[in-house]
């Protein structure tokens, strides 16, 4: 009589343990969420980069009909456009490289320990980028307000306009990976 009762209790405990684990995300589902978040962040960065490449190129090669035609305004626009083009190209390259290596990166996450290590490392990179973004905002603000020429003021404005959204992007990325 004791053996069937013990077997029933063992079976019951195994069944309930399985049910408890089913409610908790497995490391594989956590890995897929991590990869999906990385992909989504990089697709967003690509969109931002493409918009800046197009806008920066337009400001460099064309004079909008509504814009003032004086040389100082033109120089400012060109400095601004150069920064938009530069940041946009860098963001597109970074996102493309990350997206291209995503399948092999996913395969390298072969256990919960490696997954959590990579999540921490990714969060740390985003935190470091937040610090760099703040530095760029300060430098850009200084150039924009105190630059010696319209070109340098345009470069400063371009740095500020690029760094502010990247600050928010990097802050969001660091928070996503800290969870």
Protein backbone atom coordinates (compact mmCIF):
# COMPACT_ATOMS: atom_id res chain seq x y z
CA UNK A 1 0.00 0.00 0.00
CA UNK A 2 2.87 2.37 0.73
CA UNK A 3 4.50 1.87 -2.66
CA UNK A 4 1.48 2.96 -4.73
CA UNK A 5 0.98 5.99 -2.47
CA UNK A 6 4.65 6.95 -2.79
CA UNK A 7 4.48 6.47 -6.56
CA UNK A 8 1.35 8.62 -6.73
CA UNK A 9 3.00 11.37 -4.66
CA UNK A 10 6.11 11.22 -6.82
CA UNK A 11 4.01 11.42 -10.00
CA UNK A 12 2.01 14.31 -8.56
CA UNK A 13 5.15 16.21 -7.57
CA UNK A 14 6.69 15.67 -11.02
CA UNK A 15 3.53 16.89 -12.71
CA UNK A 16 3.21 19.98 -10.56
CA UNK A 17 6.92 20.78 -10.91
CA UNK A 18 6.49 20.71 -14.67
CA UNK A 19 3.49 22.99 -14.44
CA UNK A 20 5.39 25.47 -12.28
CA UNK A 21 8.23 25.56 -14.80
CA UNK A 22 5.81 26.05 -17.69
CA UNK A 23 4.78 29.39 -16.16
CA UNK A 24 8.40 30.54 -15.94
CA UNK A 25 10.10 31.54 -19.19
CA UNK A 26 12.75 29.09 -20.24
CA UNK A 27 16.16 30.43 -21.14
CA UNK A 28 15.42 29.63 -24.79
CA UNK A 29 12.34 31.85 -24.82
CA UNK A 30 14.34 34.51 -22.99
CA UNK A 31 17.02 34.18 -25.69
CA UNK A 32 14.41 34.65 -28.43
CA UNK A 33 13.07 37.74 -26.67
CA UNK A 34 16.61 39.12 -26.39
CA UNK A 35 17.24 38.54 -30.10
CA UNK A 36 13.86 40.02 -31.05
CA UNK A 37 14.59 43.15 -29.00
CA UNK A 38 18.00 43.49 -30.59
CA UNK A 39 16.48 43.12 -34.05
CA UNK A 40 13.76 45.69 -33.29
CA UNK A 41 16.30 48.19 -31.95
CA UNK A 42 18.49 47.78 -35.01
CA UNK A 43 15.56 48.12 -37.43
CA UNK A 44 14.60 51.35 -35.66
CA UNK A 45 18.20 52.57 -35.86
CA UNK A 46 18.26 51.72 -39.57
CA UNK A 47 15.12 53.78 -40.18
CA UNK A 48 16.59 56.74 -38.30
CA UNK A 49 19.86 56.34 -40.20
CA UNK A 50 18.20 56.19 -43.63
CA UNK A 51 16.14 59.30 -42.88
CA UNK A 52 19.32 61.14 -41.89
CA UNK A 53 21.31 59.97 -44.92
CA UNK A 54 18.54 61.18 -47.22
CA UNK A 55 18.01 64.47 -45.38
CA UNK A 56 21.73 65.16 -45.00
CA UNK A 57 22.38 64.42 -48.66
CA UNK A 58 19.53 66.71 -49.69
CA UNK A 59 20.94 69.54 -47.57
CA UNK A 60 24.40 69.07 -49.05
CA UNK A 61 23.48 68.89 -52.72
CA UNK A 62 20.39 71.06 -53.04
CA UNK A 63 19.32 74.45 -51.86
CA UNK A 64 15.69 74.22 -50.77
CA UNK A 65 13.65 76.93 -52.51
CA UNK A 66 12.27 78.19 -49.19
CA UNK A 67 15.69 78.56 -47.54
CA UNK A 68 17.57 81.86 -47.42
CA UNK A 69 20.14 82.20 -50.20
CA UNK A 70 22.79 84.04 -48.22
CA UNK A 71 26.20 82.32 -47.85
CA UNK A 72 26.02 82.12 -44.03
CA UNK A 73 22.69 80.24 -44.07
CA UNK A 74 23.94 77.98 -46.82
CA UNK A 75 27.10 77.19 -44.86
CA UNK A 76 25.06 76.44 -41.73
CA UNK A 77 22.77 74.08 -43.68
CA UNK A 78 25.75 72.29 -45.19
CA UNK A 79 27.38 71.77 -41.79
CA UNK A 80 24.09 70.47 -40.44
CA UNK A 81 23.61 68.23 -43.48
CA UNK A 82 27.13 66.82 -43.20
CA UNK A 83 26.48 65.76 -39.61
CA UNK A 84 23.13 64.21 -40.54
CA UNK A 85 24.77 62.28 -43.39
CA UNK A 86 27.71 61.17 -41.23
CA UNK A 87 25.61 60.02 -38.26
CA UNK A 88 23.08 58.40 -40.59
CA UNK A 89 25.76 56.43 -42.42
CA UNK A 90 27.37 55.29 -39.17
CA UNK A 91 24.02 54.26 -37.70
CA UNK A 92 23.10 52.32 -40.85
CA UNK A 93 26.47 50.56 -40.87
CA UNK A 94 26.20 49.64 -37.19
CA UNK A 95 22.64 48.36 -37.59
CA UNK A 96 23.44 46.42 -40.78
CA UNK A 97 26.44 44.76 -39.15
CA UNK A 98 24.40 43.81 -36.10
CA UNK A 99 21.50 42.49 -38.16
CA UNK A 100 23.83 40.49 -40.41
CA UNK A 101 25.48 38.75 -37.46
CA UNK A 102 22.26 38.12 -35.54
CA UNK A 103 21.87 34.45 -36.58
CA UNK A 104 25.40 33.51 -35.51
CA UNK A 105 25.04 35.62 -32.36
CA UNK A 106 21.85 33.74 -31.52
CA UNK A 107 23.65 30.42 -31.99
CA UNK A 108 26.44 31.53 -29.65
CA UNK A 109 23.93 31.98 -26.83
CA UNK A 110 24.07 28.32 -25.88
CA UNK A 111 22.94 28.48 -22.26
CA UNK A 112 21.43 30.70 -19.61
CA UNK A 113 24.82 31.79 -18.28
CA UNK A 114 26.01 33.02 -21.69
CA UNK A 115 22.65 34.66 -22.35
CA UNK A 116 22.76 36.64 -19.10
CA UNK A 117 26.39 37.58 -19.69
CA UNK A 118 25.54 38.94 -23.14
CA UNK A 119 22.50 40.82 -21.81
CA UNK A 120 24.69 42.51 -19.19
CA UNK A 121 27.38 43.27 -21.77
CA UNK A 122 24.80 44.76 -24.16
CA UNK A 123 23.33 46.90 -21.38
CA UNK A 124 26.83 48.09 -20.46
CA UNK A 125 27.50 49.13 -24.08
CA UNK A 126 24.25 51.09 -24.16
CA UNK A 127 25.14 52.78 -20.84
CA UNK A 128 28.56 53.76 -22.20
CA UNK A 129 26.84 55.16 -25.30
CA UNK A 130 24.54 57.24 -23.08
CA UNK A 131 27.67 58.83 -21.59
CA UNK A 132 29.09 59.48 -25.06
CA UNK A 133 25.77 60.95 -26.20
CA UNK A 134 25.84 63.40 -23.28
CA UNK A 135 29.38 64.41 -24.25
CA UNK A 136 28.31 64.90 -27.88
CA UNK A 137 25.34 67.00 -26.73
CA UNK A 138 27.65 69.26 -24.74
CA UNK A 139 30.15 69.65 -27.57
CA UNK A 140 27.39 70.17 -30.14
CA UNK A 141 25.67 72.75 -27.95
CA UNK A 142 28.93 74.61 -27.52
CA UNK A 143 29.60 74.66 -31.25
CA UNK A 144 26.03 75.61 -32.07
CA UNK A 145 25.98 78.57 -29.68
CA UNK A 146 29.62 79.69 -29.76
CA UNK A 147 31.02 78.38 -33.03
CA UNK A 148 33.32 80.82 -34.86
CA UNK A 149 31.57 80.39 -38.23
CA UNK A 150 28.18 79.46 -39.66
CA UNK A 151 29.64 76.13 -40.79
CA UNK A 152 30.78 75.22 -37.25
CA UNK A 153 27.43 76.33 -35.81
CA UNK A 154 25.67 74.12 -38.36
CA UNK A 155 27.91 71.21 -37.41
CA UNK A 156 27.05 71.84 -33.74
CA UNK A 157 23.33 71.95 -34.48
CA UNK A 158 23.67 68.73 -36.45
CA UNK A 159 25.46 67.03 -33.56
CA UNK A 160 22.75 68.09 -31.12
CA UNK A 161 19.92 66.97 -33.41
CA UNK A 162 21.61 63.57 -33.84
CA UNK A 163 22.76 63.06 -30.26
CA UNK A 164 19.47 63.83 -28.53
CA UNK A 165 17.50 60.97 -30.17
CA UNK A 166 20.49 58.65 -29.82
CA UNK A 167 20.60 59.50 -26.11
CA UNK A 168 16.97 58.36 -25.80
CA UNK A 169 17.67 55.28 -27.97
CA UNK A 170 20.69 54.23 -25.90
CA UNK A 171 18.87 54.89 -22.62
CA UNK A 172 15.96 52.71 -23.78
CA UNK A 173 18.39 49.99 -24.92
CA UNK A 174 20.17 49.95 -21.57
CA UNK A 175 16.85 49.65 -19.74
CA UNK A 176 15.58 46.87 -22.00
CA UNK A 177 18.65 44.75 -21.37
CA UNK A 178 18.83 45.39 -17.62
CA UNK A 179 15.50 43.60 -17.08
